[in-house]
């Protein structure tokens, strides 16, 4: 009856207001085909109930926009049409860059959408189109957000000194994703270990036996003595420099 529906609606809205997720999910499931207001209120307050909505509501742009504004990953429950809608996807990736993975291919190839995604989370570069992973501007934004995004860049950009050093500045392990030629370049290796001493672990074997490179690395991070060649681990000046930065370096 109309009165029963009204009571159910009041109960649902009260559950939503109080944040009782079990009751929210039950209420939304029961009313998903009958009351858009309940679904919208649940999404507005919690942003996590699109999974319970009917197909019609998952295809409702206003409803989905409200959901992804709170939680970008809600894009996964949107209709296929809305996963192709730039407005919806853009709102989702602004909240969670990883939401890009739920977008349709054409949108993942849209530059301004991908830029928003990688600015929010650099690792979202994984879900951009191949063309955009070869776009220096997009990749630079990604590695500035998260150095390990370098692993998803094109081979050409993994060999680009500017991109690689931007990535290294955000995390020493990023250097392992650099092109082998760069990791074998003394000039580049010196810049990398000065930014992050841990980059020494990923330079060529020859450079781990290079006094200048190793000294620069242990000056930044004494623990990197462990990655030096056997000969340099016995070099008095290098050991002293390492110990100055990390007293435990003697154990290496």
Protein backbone atom coordinates (compact mmCIF):
# COMPACT_ATOMS: atom_id res chain seq x y z
CA UNK A 1 0.00 0.00 0.00
CA UNK A 2 0.96 3.64 -0.32
CA UNK A 3 1.27 3.90 3.46
CA UNK A 4 3.60 0.90 3.58
CA UNK A 5 5.77 2.37 0.85
CA UNK A 6 5.90 5.66 2.76
CA UNK A 7 6.94 3.82 5.94
CA UNK A 8 9.58 1.91 4.03
CA UNK A 9 10.87 5.11 2.52
CA UNK A 10 11.09 6.81 5.93
CA UNK A 11 12.94 3.77 7.32
CA UNK A 12 15.31 3.76 4.39
CA UNK A 13 16.06 7.48 4.69
CA UNK A 14 16.65 7.09 8.43
CA UNK A 15 19.11 4.23 7.82
CA UNK A 16 20.90 6.35 5.24
CA UNK A 17 21.07 9.30 7.63
CA UNK A 18 22.51 7.13 10.42
CA UNK A 19 25.05 5.45 8.17
CA UNK A 20 23.89 1.88 8.87
CA UNK A 21 25.31 0.31 5.73
CA UNK A 22 23.56 -3.05 6.19
CA UNK A 23 20.18 -1.36 6.44
CA UNK A 24 21.10 1.01 3.64
CA UNK A 25 21.90 -1.89 1.31
CA UNK A 26 18.70 -3.75 2.23
CA UNK A 27 16.57 -0.62 1.87
CA UNK A 28 18.10 0.37 -1.43
CA UNK A 29 17.76 -3.16 -2.77
CA UNK A 30 14.07 -3.21 -1.84
CA UNK A 31 13.34 0.24 -3.26
CA UNK A 32 15.71 0.43 -6.20
CA UNK A 33 12.94 0.12 -8.77
CA UNK A 34 10.41 2.29 -6.99
CA UNK A 35 12.05 5.29 -5.39
CA UNK A 36 14.78 7.30 -7.05
CA UNK A 37 14.91 9.72 -4.10
CA UNK A 38 16.10 6.96 -1.73
CA UNK A 39 18.86 5.86 -4.06
CA UNK A 40 19.98 9.44 -4.68
CA UNK A 41 20.06 10.24 -0.97
CA UNK A 42 22.12 7.11 -0.25
CA UNK A 43 24.57 8.04 -2.97
CA UNK A 44 24.71 11.69 -1.91
CA UNK A 45 25.61 10.74 1.65
CA UNK A 46 27.73 7.65 1.11
CA UNK A 47 28.52 7.31 -2.61
CA UNK A 48 28.83 3.52 -2.38
CA UNK A 49 25.44 2.08 -3.23
CA UNK A 50 25.26 2.29 -7.02
CA UNK A 51 25.85 -1.46 -7.03
CA UNK A 52 22.33 -1.89 -5.62
CA UNK A 53 20.65 0.47 -8.07
CA UNK A 54 18.52 -0.70 -10.98
CA UNK A 55 19.86 -0.71 -14.54
CA UNK A 56 17.78 2.37 -15.30
CA UNK A 57 19.39 4.30 -12.44
CA UNK A 58 22.89 3.14 -13.41
CA UNK A 59 22.14 4.76 -16.74
CA UNK A 60 20.95 7.99 -15.10
CA UNK A 61 23.72 10.55 -15.66
CA UNK A 62 22.82 12.74 -12.68
CA UNK A 63 22.74 9.73 -10.38
CA UNK A 64 26.06 8.37 -11.60
CA UNK A 65 27.73 11.79 -11.47
CA UNK A 66 26.72 12.09 -7.83
CA UNK A 67 28.08 8.61 -7.10
CA UNK A 68 31.49 9.07 -8.76
CA UNK A 69 31.89 12.47 -7.13
CA UNK A 70 32.02 10.64 -3.79
CA UNK A 71 33.86 7.54 -4.98
CA UNK A 72 35.40 7.35 -8.43
CA UNK A 73 35.39 3.57 -8.50
CA UNK A 74 31.57 3.65 -8.60
CA UNK A 75 32.10 4.17 -12.34
CA UNK A 76 32.43 0.39 -12.55
CA UNK A 77 28.66 0.07 -11.91
CA UNK A 78 27.62 2.69 -14.44
CA UNK A 79 26.00 1.76 -17.72
CA UNK A 80 28.26 1.22 -20.72
CA UNK A 81 26.96 4.45 -22.22
CA UNK A 82 28.03 6.46 -19.18
CA UNK A 83 31.42 4.76 -19.10
CA UNK A 84 31.85 6.45 -22.48
CA UNK A 85 30.66 9.83 -21.22
CA UNK A 86 33.58 12.23 -20.77
CA UNK A 87 31.80 14.29 -18.11
CA UNK A 88 31.17 11.22 -15.97
CA UNK A 89 34.61 9.72 -16.41
CA UNK A 90 36.30 13.06 -15.76
CA UNK A 91 34.41 13.43 -12.48
CA UNK A 92 35.37 9.88 -11.52
CA UNK A 93 39.09 10.23 -12.20
CA UNK A 94 39.27 13.54 -10.36
CA UNK A 95 38.22 11.62 -7.26
CA UNK A 96 40.18 8.44 -8.01
CA UNK A 97 42.63 8.27 -10.89
CA UNK A 98 42.36 4.49 -10.98
CA UNK A 99 38.74 4.84 -12.08
CA UNK A 100 40.17 5.35 -15.56
CA UNK A 101 40.35 1.56 -15.84
CA UNK A 102 36.55 1.37 -15.91
CA UNK A 103 36.17 3.88 -18.74
CA UNK A 104 35.57 2.83 -22.32
CA UNK A 105 38.59 2.72 -24.62
CA UNK A 106 37.76 5.92 -26.49
CA UNK A 107 37.66 7.94 -23.27
CA UNK A 108 40.91 6.39 -22.02
CA UNK A 109 42.46 7.80 -25.19
CA UNK A 110 41.22 11.33 -24.43
CA UNK A 111 44.17 13.45 -23.35
CA UNK A 112 42.52 15.79 -20.86
CA UNK A 113 40.79 12.88 -19.11
CA UNK A 114 44.04 10.92 -18.85
CA UNK A 115 45.84 14.01 -17.53
CA UNK A 116 43.31 14.40 -14.72
CA UNK A 117 43.65 10.72 -13.89
CA UNK A 118 47.45 10.69 -13.66
CA UNK A 119 47.52 13.93 -11.69
CA UNK A 120 45.30 12.28 -9.11
CA UNK A 121 47.32 9.04 -9.19
CA UNK A 122 50.33 8.61 -11.44
CA UNK A 123 49.90 4.85 -11.63
CA UNK A 124 46.65 5.40 -13.55
CA UNK A 125 48.93 5.79 -16.58
CA UNK A 126 48.61 2.01 -16.89
CA UNK A 127 45.04 2.46 -18.14
CA UNK A 128 45.68 5.25 -20.64
CA UNK A 129 45.90 4.45 -24.32
CA UNK A 130 49.24 3.45 -25.87
CA UNK A 131 49.33 6.79 -27.66
CA UNK A 132 49.04 8.71 -24.39
CA UNK A 133 51.64 6.54 -22.68
CA UNK A 134 53.96 7.83 -25.41
CA UNK A 135 52.90 11.45 -24.79
CA UNK A 136 55.72 13.16 -22.88
CA UNK A 137 53.43 15.72 -21.26
CA UNK A 138 51.08 13.06 -19.91
CA UNK A 139 53.93 10.83 -18.72
CA UNK A 140 55.70 13.72 -16.99
CA UNK A 141 52.54 14.48 -15.04
CA UNK A 142 52.24 10.80 -14.14
CA UNK A 143 55.80 10.39 -12.85
CA UNK A 144 55.57 13.65 -10.91
CA UNK A 145 52.65 12.10 -9.09
CA UNK A 146 54.24 8.66 -8.65
CA UNK A 147 57.72 7.75 -9.84
CA UNK A 148 56.81 4.13 -10.51
CA UNK A 149 54.44 5.28 -13.26
CA UNK A 150 57.57 5.16 -15.42
CA UNK A 151 56.97 1.43 -15.86
CA UNK A 152 53.87 2.20 -17.95
CA UNK A 153 55.54 4.77 -20.20
CA UNK A 154 56.50 3.93 -23.76
CA UNK A 155 59.99 2.56 -24.37
CA UNK A 156 61.01 5.85 -25.95
CA UNK A 157 60.06 7.77 -22.82
CA UNK A 158 61.75 5.23 -20.56
CA UNK A 159 64.86 6.28 -22.48
CA UNK A 160 64.14 10.01 -22.05
CA UNK A 161 66.49 11.54 -19.47
CA UNK A 162 64.06 14.28 -18.41
CA UNK A 163 61.25 11.82 -17.78
CA UNK A 164 63.45 9.31 -15.98
CA UNK A 165 64.97 11.85 -13.60
CA UNK A 166 61.53 13.27 -12.79
CA UNK A 167 60.47 9.74 -11.91
CA UNK A 168 63.57 9.08 -9.81
CA UNK A 169 62.94 12.28 -7.84
CA UNK A 170 59.69 10.69 -6.66
CA UNK A 171 61.14 7.31 -5.73
CA UNK A 172 64.52 5.59 -5.95
CA UNK A 173 63.12 2.32 -7.31
CA UNK A 174 61.80 4.15 -10.36
CA UNK A 175 65.26 3.97 -11.92
CA UNK A 176 64.81 0.25 -12.52
CA UNK A 177 62.24 1.08 -15.20
CA UNK A 178 64.66 3.28 -17.12
CA UNK A 179 66.13 2.17 -20.40
CA UNK A 180 69.29 0.08 -20.03
CA UNK A 181 71.35 2.65 -21.92
CA UNK A 182 70.45 5.35 -19.39
CA UNK A 183 71.23 3.03 -16.49
CA UNK A 184 74.65 2.49 -18.06
CA UNK A 185 75.35 6.19 -18.52
CA UNK A 186 77.65 7.59 -15.85
CA UNK A 187 76.29 11.11 -16.25
CA UNK A 188 72.68 9.99 -15.81
CA UNK A 189 73.55 7.56 -13.02
CA UNK A 190 75.29 10.33 -11.09
CA UNK A 191 72.20 12.53 -11.32
CA UNK A 192 69.96 9.64 -10.32
CA UNK A 193 71.94 8.62 -7.21
CA UNK A 194 72.24 12.23 -6.11
CA UNK A 195 68.45 12.43 -6.19
CA UNK A 196 67.92 9.01 -4.65
CA UNK A 197 70.88 7.00 -3.42
CA UNK A 198 68.88 3.82 -3.84
CA UNK A 199 69.12 4.20 -7.61
CA UNK A 200 72.56 2.60 -7.26
CA UNK A 201 70.82 -0.78 -7.08
CA UNK A 202 69.73 -0.38 -10.70
CA UNK A 203 72.80 1.05 -12.44
CA UNK A 204 74.99 -1.20 -14.57
CA UNK A 205 77.50 -3.49 -12.90
CA UNK A 206 80.28 -1.35 -14.30
CA UNK A 207 78.93 1.77 -12.60
CA UNK A 208 78.60 0.00 -9.26
CA UNK A 209 82.37 -0.25 -9.47
CA UNK A 210 82.72 3.43 -10.36
CA UNK A 211 84.08 5.40 -7.41
CA UNK A 212 82.33 8.67 -8.29
CA UNK A 213 78.92 7.06 -8.68
CA UNK A 214 79.18 4.99 -5.52
CA UNK A 215 80.49 7.89 -3.44
CA UNK A 216 77.58 10.05 -4.60
CA UNK A 217 75.13 7.27 -3.76
CA UNK A 218 76.38 6.60 -0.22
CA UNK A 219 76.55 10.33 0.43
CA UNK A 220 72.79 10.37 -0.16
CA UNK A 221 72.03 7.01 1.46
CA UNK A 222 74.72 5.15 3.41
CA UNK A 223 72.86 1.85 3.18
CA UNK A 224 73.62 1.79 -0.55
CA UNK A 225 77.12 0.59 0.27
CA UNK A 226 75.61 -2.87 -0.05
CA UNK A 227 75.23 -2.35 -3.81
CA UNK A 228 78.82 -1.22 -4.41
CA UNK A 229 81.39 -3.53 -5.92
CA UNK A 230 83.46 -5.68 -3.55
CA UNK A 231 86.47 -3.45 -4.14
CA UNK A 232 84.62 -0.23 -3.29
CA UNK A 233 83.03 -1.72 -0.19
CA UNK A 234 86.61 -1.84 1.09
CA UNK A 235 87.42 1.75 0.10
CA UNK A 236 88.07 3.73 3.30
CA UNK A 237 86.70 7.06 2.07
CA UNK A 238 83.53 5.49 0.71
CA UNK A 239 82.91 3.48 3.87
CA UNK A 240 83.41 6.56 6.04
CA UNK A 241 80.97 8.53 3.91
CA UNK A 242 78.43 5.71 4.12
CA UNK A 243 78.78 5.42 7.90
CA UNK A 244 78.33 9.16 8.24
CA UNK A 245 74.84 8.75 6.75
CA UNK A 246 74.00 5.36 8.19
CA UNK A 247 75.88 3.89 11.13
CA UNK A 248 74.68 0.42 10.17
CA UNK A 249 76.51 0.67 6.84
CA UNK A 250 79.49 -1.10 8.41
CA UNK A 251 77.39 -4.24 8.35
CA UNK A 252 77.40 -4.20 4.55
